[in-house]
Amino acid sequence: MINSANAEESIYLSRRDTESPLASYALYRFELDGETWPSVEHYYQGMKFEERELRDQIINAADALEANKIADKNKRKIRKDWKKIRKLMMTRALYTMFKTHSDAANKLLSTETNKLVENSQYDYYWGCGRDLRGDNRYGQILMDIRHKLRE
């Protein structure tokens, strides 16, 4: 959910908001790496694994929450280089989704120059964390893509 519309303010959002085109959980199909992914989250969770069978289960998950649950149940099988490539995988998925869906891209562009913040009190990597001192990598990726879309 977006909580602000004034320029130069922070916009707090949730990547788990299935209704927001800025969320990785929203069902916006796109093609990447030879597959059609139902959402950014499906792609992100699928890329954690090299095993074809697990990826297929994730691609076919009814929604992003189910895709996330499948990945969580298989934590021991996550590829060894995942922490090194996870930001790249999220960036590729988000960029491809925005390039595929102009309505989502327009929503991102409508945030103008506002700072975008993934409002997750428990996630200090993708979100801002409880104390707002998290890395906010999800928000950073969105702002980088917004800049690239404007060029």
N, C-alpha and C. Protein backbone atom coordinates (compact mmCIF):
# COMPACT_ATOMS: atom_id res chain seq x y z
N MET A 1 0.85 -1.19 0.00
CA MET A 1 0.00 0.00 0.00
C MET A 1 0.88 1.24 0.00
N ILE A 2 0.53 2.22 -0.78
CA ILE A 2 1.28 3.47 -0.85
C ILE A 2 0.66 4.45 0.12
N ASN A 3 1.52 5.07 0.92
CA ASN A 3 1.03 5.92 2.00
C ASN A 3 1.29 7.41 1.79
N SER A 4 1.78 7.81 0.62
CA SER A 4 2.08 9.21 0.43
C SER A 4 1.99 9.56 -1.05
N ALA A 5 1.72 10.83 -1.34
CA ALA A 5 1.71 11.25 -2.73
C ALA A 5 2.45 12.57 -2.95
N ASN A 6 2.93 13.19 -1.89
CA ASN A 6 3.62 14.46 -2.02
C ASN A 6 5.06 14.26 -2.45
N ALA A 7 5.53 15.12 -3.36
CA ALA A 7 6.90 15.03 -3.86
C ALA A 7 7.90 15.14 -2.72
N GLU A 8 9.00 14.45 -2.89
CA GLU A 8 10.13 14.48 -1.96
C GLU A 8 9.82 13.84 -0.60
N GLU A 9 8.73 13.12 -0.49
CA GLU A 9 8.43 12.39 0.74
C GLU A 9 8.69 10.92 0.50
N SER A 10 8.79 10.19 1.59
CA SER A 10 8.95 8.74 1.48
C SER A 10 7.59 8.10 1.24
N ILE A 11 7.57 7.12 0.37
CA ILE A 11 6.38 6.32 0.13
C ILE A 11 6.67 4.93 0.68
N TYR A 12 5.87 4.53 1.65
CA TYR A 12 6.03 3.22 2.28
C TYR A 12 5.12 2.22 1.59
N LEU A 13 5.70 1.11 1.17
CA LEU A 13 4.95 0.11 0.45
C LEU A 13 5.31 -1.27 0.98
N SER A 14 4.52 -2.24 0.58
CA SER A 14 4.78 -3.62 0.97
C SER A 14 4.91 -4.47 -0.29
N ARG A 15 6.00 -5.20 -0.40
CA ARG A 15 6.16 -6.05 -1.57
C ARG A 15 5.21 -7.25 -1.52
N ARG A 16 4.54 -7.46 -0.39
CA ARG A 16 3.57 -8.55 -0.25
C ARG A 16 2.14 -8.12 -0.57
N ASP A 17 1.94 -6.88 -0.95
CA ASP A 17 0.62 -6.36 -1.29
C ASP A 17 0.24 -6.86 -2.69
N THR A 18 -0.66 -7.81 -2.75
CA THR A 18 -1.02 -8.43 -4.03
C THR A 18 -1.79 -7.48 -4.95
N GLU A 19 -2.25 -6.36 -4.43
CA GLU A 19 -3.03 -5.41 -5.24
C GLU A 19 -2.15 -4.31 -5.84
N SER A 20 -0.94 -4.14 -5.37
CA SER A 20 -0.08 -3.05 -5.83
C SER A 20 0.85 -3.51 -6.95
N PRO A 21 0.88 -2.77 -8.06
CA PRO A 21 1.80 -3.13 -9.14
C PRO A 21 3.27 -2.95 -8.77
N LEU A 22 3.53 -2.31 -7.64
CA LEU A 22 4.91 -2.15 -7.18
C LEU A 22 5.37 -3.30 -6.29
N ALA A 23 4.49 -4.23 -6.03
CA ALA A 23 4.77 -5.34 -5.12
C ALA A 23 5.23 -6.59 -5.88
N SER A 24 6.18 -7.29 -5.32
CA SER A 24 6.65 -8.52 -5.96
C SER A 24 5.61 -9.63 -5.90
N TYR A 25 4.64 -9.51 -5.01
CA TYR A 25 3.58 -10.53 -4.87
C TYR A 25 2.42 -10.32 -5.86
N ALA A 26 2.35 -9.17 -6.51
CA ALA A 26 1.26 -8.90 -7.46
C ALA A 26 1.39 -9.82 -8.67
N LEU A 27 0.27 -10.32 -9.13
CA LEU A 27 0.27 -11.24 -10.27
C LEU A 27 0.34 -10.48 -11.59
N TYR A 28 1.56 -10.24 -12.03
CA TYR A 28 1.85 -9.62 -13.32
C TYR A 28 2.78 -10.57 -14.07
N ARG A 29 2.23 -11.31 -15.00
CA ARG A 29 3.00 -12.31 -15.75
C ARG A 29 4.08 -11.65 -16.62
N PHE A 30 5.21 -12.33 -16.73
CA PHE A 30 6.27 -11.88 -17.63
C PHE A 30 7.13 -13.08 -18.01
N GLU A 31 7.86 -12.92 -19.10
CA GLU A 31 8.76 -13.97 -19.55
C GLU A 31 10.20 -13.59 -19.25
N LEU A 32 10.92 -14.56 -18.70
CA LEU A 32 12.33 -14.35 -18.38
C LEU A 32 13.00 -15.71 -18.26
N ASP A 33 14.19 -15.82 -18.80
CA ASP A 33 14.96 -17.06 -18.77
C ASP A 33 14.19 -18.24 -19.35
N GLY A 34 13.44 -17.98 -20.42
CA GLY A 34 12.74 -19.05 -21.12
C GLY A 34 11.49 -19.58 -20.44
N GLU A 35 11.02 -18.88 -19.43
CA GLU A 35 9.82 -19.31 -18.68
C GLU A 35 8.85 -18.14 -18.56
N THR A 36 7.59 -18.47 -18.36
CA THR A 36 6.59 -17.46 -18.04
C THR A 36 6.33 -17.54 -16.54
N TRP A 37 6.59 -16.43 -15.86
CA TRP A 37 6.47 -16.35 -14.40
C TRP A 37 5.21 -15.58 -14.04
N PRO A 38 4.40 -16.10 -13.11
CA PRO A 38 3.16 -15.41 -12.71
C PRO A 38 3.38 -14.10 -11.95
N SER A 39 4.51 -13.98 -11.27
CA SER A 39 4.81 -12.76 -10.50
C SER A 39 6.32 -12.65 -10.31
N VAL A 40 6.74 -11.49 -9.89
CA VAL A 40 8.16 -11.28 -9.56
C VAL A 40 8.57 -12.24 -8.44
N GLU A 41 7.70 -12.43 -7.47
CA GLU A 41 8.02 -13.30 -6.34
C GLU A 41 8.18 -14.75 -6.79
N HIS A 42 7.37 -15.20 -7.72
CA HIS A 42 7.54 -16.56 -8.26
C HIS A 42 8.94 -16.70 -8.85
N TYR A 43 9.35 -15.72 -9.65
CA TYR A 43 10.68 -15.77 -10.26
C TYR A 43 11.77 -15.78 -9.19
N TYR A 44 11.66 -14.84 -8.27
CA TYR A 44 12.67 -14.72 -7.21
C TYR A 44 12.80 -16.04 -6.43
N GLN A 45 11.69 -16.61 -6.03
CA GLN A 45 11.73 -17.87 -5.27
C GLN A 45 12.25 -19.01 -6.15
N GLY A 46 11.84 -19.04 -7.41
CA GLY A 46 12.29 -20.09 -8.31
C GLY A 46 13.79 -20.06 -8.57
N MET A 47 14.35 -18.88 -8.65
CA MET A 47 15.78 -18.75 -8.94
C MET A 47 16.67 -19.20 -7.78
N LYS A 48 16.07 -19.42 -6.62
CA LYS A 48 16.84 -19.92 -5.49
C LYS A 48 17.33 -21.35 -5.72
N PHE A 49 16.73 -22.02 -6.69
CA PHE A 49 16.99 -23.45 -6.87
C PHE A 49 17.47 -23.76 -8.27
N GLU A 50 18.41 -24.68 -8.34
CA GLU A 50 18.88 -25.17 -9.63
C GLU A 50 18.06 -26.38 -10.08
N GLU A 51 17.39 -27.02 -9.14
CA GLU A 51 16.60 -28.22 -9.42
C GLU A 51 15.33 -27.86 -10.21
N ARG A 52 15.21 -28.44 -11.40
CA ARG A 52 14.10 -28.16 -12.31
C ARG A 52 12.73 -28.45 -11.68
N GLU A 53 12.64 -29.55 -10.95
CA GLU A 53 11.36 -29.94 -10.35
C GLU A 53 10.86 -28.88 -9.35
N LEU A 54 11.74 -28.35 -8.55
CA LEU A 54 11.36 -27.31 -7.59
C LEU A 54 10.93 -26.04 -8.30
N ARG A 55 11.67 -25.66 -9.33
CA ARG A 55 11.29 -24.47 -10.10
C ARG A 55 9.90 -24.63 -10.70
N ASP A 56 9.63 -25.83 -11.24
CA ASP A 56 8.31 -26.08 -11.82
C ASP A 56 7.21 -25.97 -10.77
N GLN A 57 7.46 -26.48 -9.58
CA GLN A 57 6.46 -26.36 -8.50
C GLN A 57 6.20 -24.89 -8.19
N ILE A 58 7.26 -24.10 -8.16
CA ILE A 58 7.13 -22.67 -7.84
C ILE A 58 6.41 -21.93 -8.96
N ILE A 59 6.77 -22.19 -10.20
CA ILE A 59 6.09 -21.55 -11.33
C ILE A 59 4.60 -21.85 -11.29
N ASN A 60 4.24 -23.06 -10.93
CA ASN A 60 2.84 -23.48 -10.93
C ASN A 60 2.09 -23.16 -9.64
N ALA A 61 2.76 -22.54 -8.68
CA ALA A 61 2.09 -22.15 -7.44
C ALA A 61 0.95 -21.18 -7.74
N ALA A 62 -0.16 -21.34 -7.04
CA ALA A 62 -1.36 -20.54 -7.29
C ALA A 62 -1.14 -19.04 -7.09
N ASP A 63 -0.28 -18.69 -6.16
CA ASP A 63 0.01 -17.28 -5.89
C ASP A 63 1.42 -17.16 -5.31
N ALA A 64 1.85 -15.93 -5.08
CA ALA A 64 3.20 -15.68 -4.60
C ALA A 64 3.43 -16.23 -3.19
N LEU A 65 2.41 -16.19 -2.36
CA LEU A 65 2.56 -16.72 -1.01
C LEU A 65 2.85 -18.22 -1.05
N GLU A 66 2.14 -18.94 -1.91
CA GLU A 66 2.40 -20.37 -2.05
C GLU A 66 3.81 -20.62 -2.61
N ALA A 67 4.24 -19.81 -3.56
CA ALA A 67 5.59 -19.94 -4.12
C ALA A 67 6.62 -19.75 -3.01
N ASN A 68 6.38 -18.77 -2.15
CA ASN A 68 7.27 -18.50 -1.02
C ASN A 68 7.30 -19.68 -0.06
N LYS A 69 6.15 -20.27 0.20
CA LYS A 69 6.08 -21.42 1.12
C LYS A 69 6.84 -22.63 0.57
N ILE A 70 6.73 -22.86 -0.73
CA ILE A 70 7.46 -23.97 -1.35
C ILE A 70 8.96 -23.76 -1.18
N ALA A 71 9.41 -22.54 -1.43
CA ALA A 71 10.83 -22.23 -1.26
C ALA A 71 11.26 -22.41 0.19
N ASP A 72 10.44 -21.94 1.13
CA ASP A 72 10.78 -22.08 2.55
C ASP A 72 10.91 -23.54 2.98
N LYS A 73 10.04 -24.40 2.42
CA LYS A 73 10.10 -25.82 2.77
C LYS A 73 11.35 -26.52 2.23
N ASN A 74 12.02 -25.87 1.30
CA ASN A 74 13.18 -26.48 0.65
C ASN A 74 14.46 -25.67 0.87
N LYS A 75 14.56 -25.01 2.02
CA LYS A 75 15.71 -24.15 2.31
C LYS A 75 17.05 -24.86 2.15
N ARG A 76 17.09 -26.14 2.45
CA ARG A 76 18.36 -26.87 2.38
C ARG A 76 18.86 -27.04 0.94
N LYS A 77 17.98 -26.84 -0.02
CA LYS A 77 18.33 -27.03 -1.43
C LYS A 77 18.67 -25.72 -2.15
N ILE A 78 18.67 -24.61 -1.41
CA ILE A 78 18.96 -23.31 -2.03
C ILE A 78 20.39 -23.32 -2.57
N ARG A 79 20.55 -22.77 -3.75
CA ARG A 79 21.86 -22.74 -4.41
C ARG A 79 22.89 -22.01 -3.55
N LYS A 80 24.11 -22.45 -3.63
CA LYS A 80 25.18 -21.95 -2.76
C LYS A 80 25.48 -20.46 -2.97
N ASP A 81 25.29 -19.97 -4.18
CA ASP A 81 25.63 -18.58 -4.49
C ASP A 81 24.45 -17.62 -4.30
N TRP A 82 23.37 -18.08 -3.68
CA TRP A 82 22.16 -17.29 -3.62
C TRP A 82 22.36 -15.91 -3.00
N LYS A 83 23.05 -15.82 -1.90
CA LYS A 83 23.21 -14.51 -1.25
C LYS A 83 23.96 -13.52 -2.15
N LYS A 84 24.81 -14.04 -3.03
CA LYS A 84 25.56 -13.17 -3.94
C LYS A 84 24.71 -12.67 -5.10
N ILE A 85 23.72 -13.46 -5.50
CA ILE A 85 22.96 -13.12 -6.71
C ILE A 85 21.51 -12.70 -6.45
N ARG A 86 21.05 -12.75 -5.23
CA ARG A 86 19.63 -12.49 -4.97
C ARG A 86 19.19 -11.09 -5.38
N LYS A 87 20.01 -10.09 -5.15
CA LYS A 87 19.64 -8.72 -5.55
C LYS A 87 19.54 -8.63 -7.08
N LEU A 88 20.47 -9.24 -7.78
CA LEU A 88 20.44 -9.26 -9.23
C LEU A 88 19.17 -9.93 -9.74
N MET A 89 18.78 -11.05 -9.12
CA MET A 89 17.58 -11.77 -9.55
C MET A 89 16.32 -10.93 -9.33
N MET A 90 16.24 -10.26 -8.21
CA MET A 90 15.09 -9.39 -7.94
C MET A 90 15.06 -8.23 -8.94
N THR A 91 16.22 -7.66 -9.22
CA THR A 91 16.31 -6.54 -10.16
C THR A 91 15.87 -6.98 -11.56
N ARG A 92 16.37 -8.11 -12.03
CA ARG A 92 16.00 -8.61 -13.35
C ARG A 92 14.50 -8.84 -13.45
N ALA A 93 13.93 -9.45 -12.42
CA ALA A 93 12.50 -9.75 -12.45
C ALA A 93 11.67 -8.47 -12.44
N LEU A 94 11.99 -7.54 -11.55
CA LEU A 94 11.22 -6.30 -11.48
C LEU A 94 11.34 -5.49 -12.78
N TYR A 95 12.55 -5.37 -13.30
CA TYR A 95 12.75 -4.60 -14.53
C TYR A 95 11.95 -5.22 -15.68
N THR A 96 12.03 -6.53 -15.82
CA THR A 96 11.31 -7.22 -16.90
C THR A 96 9.81 -7.06 -16.74
N MET A 97 9.32 -7.18 -15.51
CA MET A 97 7.89 -7.02 -15.27
C MET A 97 7.43 -5.60 -15.64
N PHE A 98 8.21 -4.58 -15.24
CA PHE A 98 7.81 -3.21 -15.55
C PHE A 98 7.89 -2.94 -17.05
N LYS A 99 8.85 -3.52 -17.74
CA LYS A 99 8.96 -3.36 -19.19
C LYS A 99 7.81 -4.08 -19.91
N THR A 100 7.28 -5.12 -19.29
CA THR A 100 6.19 -5.90 -19.88
C THR A 100 4.83 -5.25 -19.65
N HIS A 101 4.65 -4.60 -18.51
CA HIS A 101 3.35 -4.06 -18.12
C HIS A 101 3.42 -2.54 -17.97
N SER A 102 2.92 -1.84 -18.97
CA SER A 102 2.99 -0.37 -18.95
C SER A 102 2.19 0.24 -17.81
N ASP A 103 1.09 -0.40 -17.39
CA ASP A 103 0.31 0.15 -16.28
C ASP A 103 1.14 0.12 -14.99
N ALA A 104 1.90 -0.94 -14.79
CA ALA A 104 2.76 -1.03 -13.60
C ALA A 104 3.89 0.00 -13.70
N ALA A 105 4.48 0.13 -14.90
CA ALA A 105 5.55 1.11 -15.10
C ALA A 105 5.03 2.52 -14.84
N ASN A 106 3.83 2.82 -15.32
CA ASN A 106 3.25 4.15 -15.09
C ASN A 106 3.01 4.41 -13.60
N LYS A 107 2.61 3.38 -12.88
CA LYS A 107 2.41 3.53 -11.43
C LYS A 107 3.76 3.85 -10.76
N LEU A 108 4.81 3.14 -11.18
CA LEU A 108 6.14 3.42 -10.63
C LEU A 108 6.58 4.84 -10.98
N LEU A 109 6.39 5.23 -12.21
CA LEU A 109 6.78 6.58 -12.63
C LEU A 109 5.98 7.66 -11.91
N SER A 110 4.75 7.35 -11.53
CA SER A 110 3.91 8.33 -10.84
C SER A 110 4.42 8.65 -9.43
N THR A 111 5.36 7.85 -8.93
CA THR A 111 5.93 8.13 -7.61
C THR A 111 6.94 9.28 -7.68
N GLU A 112 7.18 9.77 -8.90
CA GLU A 112 8.05 10.92 -9.17
C GLU A 112 9.42 10.77 -8.54
N THR A 113 9.80 11.65 -7.63
CA THR A 113 11.14 11.58 -7.02
C THR A 113 11.08 11.13 -5.56
N ASN A 114 9.92 10.65 -5.14
CA ASN A 114 9.77 10.21 -3.76
C ASN A 114 10.69 9.02 -3.46
N LYS A 115 11.14 8.96 -2.24
CA LYS A 115 11.90 7.81 -1.79
C LYS A 115 10.92 6.66 -1.58
N LEU A 116 11.22 5.50 -2.14
CA LEU A 116 10.37 4.32 -1.99
C LEU A 116 10.97 3.43 -0.92
N VAL A 117 10.13 3.04 0.05
CA VAL A 117 10.60 2.27 1.19
C VAL A 117 9.76 1.01 1.34
N GLU A 118 10.42 -0.13 1.33
CA GLU A 118 9.76 -1.41 1.63
C GLU A 118 9.54 -1.44 3.13
N ASN A 119 8.28 -1.37 3.52
CA ASN A 119 7.90 -1.21 4.92
C ASN A 119 7.77 -2.58 5.60
N SER A 120 8.90 -3.19 5.89
CA SER A 120 8.90 -4.48 6.56
C SER A 120 9.66 -4.34 7.87
N GLN A 121 8.96 -4.52 8.97
CA GLN A 121 9.62 -4.33 10.26
C GLN A 121 10.56 -5.47 10.62
N TYR A 122 10.43 -6.61 9.94
CA TYR A 122 11.29 -7.75 10.27
C TYR A 122 12.40 -7.99 9.25
N ASP A 123 12.34 -7.32 8.12
CA ASP A 123 13.31 -7.54 7.06
C ASP A 123 14.24 -6.34 6.96
N TYR A 124 15.49 -6.56 7.35
CA TYR A 124 16.47 -5.48 7.33
C TYR A 124 17.30 -5.50 6.04
N TYR A 125 17.11 -6.51 5.21
CA TYR A 125 17.80 -6.56 3.93
C TYR A 125 16.94 -5.89 2.85
N TRP A 126 15.76 -6.42 2.58
CA TRP A 126 14.89 -5.86 1.56
C TRP A 126 14.13 -4.63 2.08
N GLY A 127 13.85 -4.60 3.36
CA GLY A 127 13.02 -3.55 3.94
C GLY A 127 13.75 -2.57 4.82
N CYS A 128 12.95 -1.75 5.50
CA CYS A 128 13.50 -0.71 6.36
C CYS A 128 13.70 -1.18 7.80
N GLY A 129 13.13 -2.34 8.14
CA GLY A 129 13.27 -2.83 9.50
C GLY A 129 12.41 -2.04 10.47
N ARG A 130 12.31 -2.56 11.65
CA ARG A 130 11.47 -1.96 12.69
C ARG A 130 11.92 -0.53 13.04
N ASP A 131 13.23 -0.31 13.04
CA ASP A 131 13.77 1.00 13.43
C ASP A 131 14.09 1.90 12.24
N LEU A 132 13.64 1.52 11.05
CA LEU A 132 13.85 2.28 9.81
C LEU A 132 15.33 2.39 9.44
N ARG A 133 16.16 1.48 9.94
CA ARG A 133 17.59 1.52 9.64
C ARG A 133 18.02 0.35 8.75
N GLY A 134 17.04 -0.34 8.18
CA GLY A 134 17.34 -1.46 7.29
C GLY A 134 17.91 -0.97 5.97
N ASP A 135 18.38 -1.91 5.17
CA ASP A 135 19.02 -1.58 3.89
C ASP A 135 18.04 -1.11 2.82
N ASN A 136 16.78 -1.49 2.91
CA ASN A 136 15.75 -1.08 1.95
C ASN A 136 16.16 -1.38 0.50
N ARG A 137 16.72 -2.53 0.28
CA ARG A 137 17.18 -2.86 -1.07
C ARG A 137 16.02 -2.95 -2.07
N TYR A 138 14.87 -3.39 -1.62
CA TYR A 138 13.71 -3.45 -2.53
C TYR A 138 13.34 -2.04 -3.01
N GLY A 139 13.25 -1.11 -2.09
CA GLY A 139 12.95 0.27 -2.46
C GLY A 139 14.02 0.86 -3.36
N GLN A 140 15.27 0.56 -3.08
CA GLN A 140 16.38 1.05 -3.91
C GLN A 140 16.27 0.53 -5.34
N ILE A 141 15.95 -0.76 -5.47
CA ILE A 141 15.79 -1.35 -6.81
C ILE A 141 14.67 -0.64 -7.56
N LEU A 142 13.54 -0.44 -6.89
CA LEU A 142 12.43 0.26 -7.54
C LEU A 142 12.83 1.67 -7.99
N MET A 143 13.56 2.39 -7.16
CA MET A 143 13.99 3.74 -7.52
C MET A 143 14.98 3.70 -8.68
N ASP A 144 15.87 2.71 -8.70
CA ASP A 144 16.82 2.57 -9.82
C ASP A 144 16.08 2.27 -11.12
N ILE A 145 15.09 1.38 -11.06
CA ILE A 145 14.31 1.04 -12.25
C ILE A 145 13.51 2.26 -12.71
N ARG A 146 12.93 2.98 -11.77
CA ARG A 146 12.18 4.21 -12.11
C ARG A 146 13.08 5.17 -12.88
N HIS A 147 14.31 5.34 -12.41
CA HIS A 147 15.28 6.22 -13.08
C HIS A 147 15.57 5.71 -14.50
N LYS A 148 15.77 4.41 -14.61
CA LYS A 148 16.08 3.82 -15.92
C LYS A 148 14.89 3.95 -16.89
N LEU A 149 13.68 3.79 -16.39
CA LEU A 149 12.50 3.91 -17.24
C LEU A 149 12.33 5.36 -17.76
N ARG A 150 12.78 6.31 -16.98
CA ARG A 150 12.67 7.71 -17.39
C ARG A 150 13.65 8.06 -18.51
N GLU A 151 14.76 7.35 -18.56
CA GLU A 151 15.81 7.67 -19.56
C GLU A 151 15.38 7.36 -20.97
